[in-house]
Amino acid sequence: MKLALFPLNTVLFPGSILPLQIFEQRYLSLITDCMKQETGFVSVLINEGREVGDTPSIYSTGCYVEIVDWDALAGNMLGINIEARHRVHLFASSVRDDGLLLAQAREIPALDPGLPLPGYAEPLAGTLKELLKHPFAARYRDRVDFSSATDICYRLGELLPIDNRQKQLLLESESIEQLLDQLAIHINTLQT
């Protein structure tokens, strides 16, 4: 399926919520089209370049997102809240005349969403509970499914103070075990 891309300097994981202020015409058109057609778009991390202006280089894994709320803002801007639904692999990208990136997107299978957190990884849930006490994490306090290893891992990936390239590697994890191992390494590094 061909989808519009919204390159950002932020990594979103399935379940992530992000407020955005839209002011570039290409993205205002994208949001208008999405709302009319009741469809979403893909949020993807910028590899090189910037969010505004020229078309940036992007990673090949992102998240399909849907608009969950919107509001007209002053200065002809649009405020939207998006929620990431699932991971996608991007290929065969192209650029429209207005600079909007498009790509074929294939959904990546979920990482065992019903799998509970293994006993050896219980400290990860404790770390997440501590992070959720901070004001910057308020939007997730009542939304984390602590019975799901995947949800715990994705929220940790989103909230840990690590580089976006490291977060991208977490998003690209091919198994829940790989994701758990990478998170444990990051947490140990941050604690030393």
Protein backbone atom coordinates (compact mmCIF):
# COMPACT_ATOMS: atom_id res chain seq x y z
CA MET A 1 0.00 0.00 0.00
CA LYS A 2 1.35 3.45 -0.90
CA LEU A 3 1.30 5.90 2.02
CA ALA A 4 2.43 9.44 2.72
CA LEU A 5 5.41 9.84 5.04
CA PHE A 6 5.93 12.38 7.80
CA PRO A 7 9.66 12.48 8.61
CA LEU A 8 10.44 13.48 12.20
CA ASN A 9 13.40 13.74 14.56
CA THR A 10 11.47 11.43 16.91
CA VAL A 11 10.99 7.67 16.96
CA LEU A 12 7.42 6.50 17.54
CA PHE A 13 6.59 3.00 18.73
CA PRO A 14 3.20 1.29 18.44
CA GLY A 15 1.01 2.96 21.06
CA SER A 16 3.03 6.21 21.06
CA ILE A 17 1.04 9.45 21.18
CA LEU A 18 2.53 12.65 19.81
CA PRO A 19 1.16 16.18 19.45
CA LEU A 20 2.27 17.98 16.28
CA GLN A 21 1.88 21.52 14.99
CA ILE A 22 1.47 21.49 11.23
CA PHE A 23 2.35 24.59 9.20
CA GLU A 24 4.02 23.43 5.97
CA GLN A 25 1.55 23.31 3.07
CA ARG A 26 2.53 19.77 2.03
CA TYR A 27 1.68 18.47 5.51
CA LEU A 28 -1.49 20.55 5.83
CA SER A 29 -2.64 18.91 2.57
CA LEU A 30 -1.62 15.49 3.89
CA ILE A 31 -3.60 15.95 7.12
CA THR A 32 -6.65 17.25 5.24
CA ASP A 33 -6.55 14.23 2.91
CA CYS A 34 -6.14 11.81 5.83
CA MET A 35 -9.11 13.28 7.69
CA LYS A 36 -11.32 13.22 4.58
CA GLN A 37 -10.37 9.65 3.70
CA GLU A 38 -10.24 8.46 7.33
CA THR A 39 -6.78 7.03 6.83
CA GLY A 40 -3.38 7.53 8.39
CA PHE A 41 0.21 8.09 7.32
CA VAL A 42 3.67 6.92 8.33
CA SER A 43 5.89 8.62 10.88
CA VAL A 44 9.53 7.81 10.20
CA LEU A 45 12.84 8.93 11.73
CA ILE A 46 15.03 11.27 9.71
CA ASN A 47 18.44 9.76 8.97
CA GLU A 48 19.93 12.94 7.45
CA GLY A 49 18.38 16.35 6.93
CA ARG A 50 15.72 18.36 8.74
CA GLU A 51 11.99 18.24 9.41
CA VAL A 52 11.38 21.53 7.61
CA GLY A 53 12.39 22.42 4.06
CA ASP A 54 14.18 20.02 1.74
CA THR A 55 13.24 16.34 1.60
CA PRO A 56 15.33 14.45 4.19
CA SER A 57 16.88 10.99 4.02
CA ILE A 58 14.85 8.58 6.18
CA TYR A 59 15.05 5.12 7.74
CA SER A 60 13.17 2.20 6.18
CA THR A 61 11.16 1.30 9.30
CA GLY A 62 8.52 3.60 10.76
CA CYS A 63 5.08 3.48 12.31
CA TYR A 64 1.68 3.79 10.70
CA VAL A 65 -0.13 6.51 12.65
CA GLU A 66 -3.67 7.80 12.81
CA ILE A 67 -4.94 11.24 13.78
CA VAL A 68 -6.83 10.92 17.07
CA ASP A 69 -7.51 14.62 17.70
CA TRP A 70 -7.02 17.96 15.97
CA ASP A 71 -7.53 21.68 16.51
CA ALA A 72 -7.10 24.82 14.40
CA LEU A 73 -4.31 27.00 15.80
CA ALA A 74 -3.40 30.65 15.33
CA GLY A 75 -1.28 31.59 12.32
CA ASN A 76 -2.89 29.12 9.90
CA MET A 77 -1.42 26.19 11.80
CA LEU A 78 -3.10 22.93 12.64
CA GLY A 79 -2.56 21.05 15.89
CA ILE A 80 -2.98 17.29 15.74
CA ASN A 81 -2.44 14.36 18.08
CA ILE A 82 -1.33 11.17 16.39
CA GLU A 83 -1.18 7.64 17.75
CA ALA A 84 1.13 4.99 16.31
CA ARG A 85 -0.71 1.77 15.46
CA HIS A 86 1.87 -0.65 14.05
CA ARG A 87 5.35 -0.86 12.54
CA VAL A 88 5.85 -0.73 8.78
CA HIS A 89 8.72 -1.42 6.40
CA LEU A 90 9.08 1.23 3.68
CA PHE A 91 10.31 0.71 0.13
CA ALA A 92 10.00 2.25 -3.34
CA SER A 93 9.81 5.82 -2.08
CA SER A 94 9.07 8.83 -4.27
CA VAL A 95 8.66 12.57 -3.83
CA ARG A 96 5.59 14.51 -4.98
CA ASP A 97 5.99 17.90 -6.67
CA ASP A 98 5.14 19.64 -3.38
CA GLY A 99 7.93 17.75 -1.57
CA LEU A 100 5.72 15.21 0.22
CA LEU A 101 7.40 11.82 0.54
CA LEU A 102 5.45 8.70 -0.43
CA ALA A 103 6.44 5.04 -0.14
CA GLN A 104 5.10 1.56 -0.37
CA ALA A 105 4.52 0.28 3.16
CA ARG A 106 4.31 -3.29 4.38
CA GLU A 107 3.08 -3.99 7.90
CA ILE A 108 5.65 -5.69 10.13
CA PRO A 109 4.14 -8.44 12.29
CA ALA A 110 3.63 -7.52 15.94
CA LEU A 111 6.12 -8.81 18.49
CA ASP A 112 3.96 -11.28 20.43
CA PRO A 113 1.59 -8.66 21.91
CA GLY A 114 0.05 -11.07 24.43
CA LEU A 115 3.34 -12.38 25.81
CA PRO A 116 3.85 -11.55 29.50
CA LEU A 117 7.15 -10.09 30.69
CA PRO A 118 9.58 -12.94 31.46
CA GLY A 119 10.69 -13.16 35.09
CA TYR A 120 14.29 -12.23 34.29
CA ALA A 121 13.06 -8.96 32.76
CA GLU A 122 10.88 -7.84 35.70
CA PRO A 123 13.32 -5.00 36.55
CA LEU A 124 12.31 -3.38 33.22
CA ALA A 125 8.74 -2.99 34.50
CA GLY A 126 10.10 -1.38 37.67
CA THR A 127 12.17 1.06 35.62
CA LEU A 128 9.11 1.97 33.56
CA LYS A 129 7.03 2.55 36.71
CA GLU A 130 9.72 4.95 37.96
CA LEU A 131 9.81 6.80 34.61
CA LEU A 132 6.01 7.14 34.63
CA LYS A 133 6.24 9.20 37.84
CA HIS A 134 7.86 12.05 35.90
CA PRO A 135 5.66 14.82 34.42
CA PHE A 136 6.96 14.26 30.86
CA ALA A 137 5.43 10.76 30.93
CA ALA A 138 2.00 11.79 32.24
CA ARG A 139 0.17 10.93 29.01
CA TYR A 140 1.11 7.25 29.45
CA ARG A 141 0.37 6.72 33.15
CA ASP A 142 -2.99 5.06 32.59
CA ARG A 143 -2.20 3.57 29.18
CA VAL A 144 0.57 1.04 29.83
CA ASP A 145 -0.44 -2.62 29.71
CA PHE A 146 1.87 -4.12 32.34
CA SER A 147 0.69 -7.61 31.36
CA SER A 148 2.29 -7.17 27.89
CA ALA A 149 6.06 -7.42 27.46
CA THR A 150 5.77 -5.62 24.12
CA ASP A 151 3.91 -2.65 25.58
CA ILE A 152 6.38 -2.34 28.47
CA CYS A 153 9.30 -2.46 26.03
CA TYR A 154 7.82 0.08 23.62
CA ARG A 155 7.04 2.56 26.39
CA LEU A 156 10.57 2.15 27.78
CA GLY A 157 12.02 2.65 24.32
CA GLU A 158 10.04 5.82 23.97
CA LEU A 159 10.80 7.25 27.41
CA LEU A 160 14.44 6.29 28.02
CA PRO A 161 16.92 9.15 27.49
CA ILE A 162 18.82 7.48 24.66
CA ASP A 163 19.83 8.64 21.18
CA ASN A 164 17.22 8.42 18.41
CA ARG A 165 19.43 6.03 16.44
CA GLN A 166 19.35 3.66 19.42
CA LYS A 167 15.57 4.05 19.63
CA GLN A 168 15.36 3.24 15.92
CA LEU A 169 17.26 -0.01 16.53
CA LEU A 170 14.75 -0.87 19.26
CA LEU A 171 11.88 -0.21 16.84
CA GLU A 172 13.52 -2.49 14.27
CA SER A 173 13.86 -5.42 16.74
CA GLU A 174 12.84 -8.69 15.15
CA SER A 175 11.89 -10.47 18.38
CA ILE A 176 10.71 -9.60 21.86
CA GLU A 177 13.86 -11.27 23.24
CA GLN A 178 16.08 -9.01 21.14
CA LEU A 179 14.11 -5.97 22.31
CA LEU A 180 14.35 -7.02 25.98
CA ASP A 181 18.10 -7.60 25.68
CA GLN A 182 18.73 -4.22 24.04
CA LEU A 183 16.66 -2.41 26.66
CA ALA A 184 18.50 -4.14 29.51
CA ILE A 185 21.82 -3.00 28.02
CA HIS A 186 20.61 0.61 27.70
CA ILE A 187 19.27 0.67 31.26
CA ASN A 188 22.50 -0.81 32.66
CA THR A 189 24.51 1.79 30.74
CA LEU A 190 22.34 4.63 32.06
CA GLN A 191 22.64 3.38 35.65
CA THR A 192 26.45 3.21 35.64
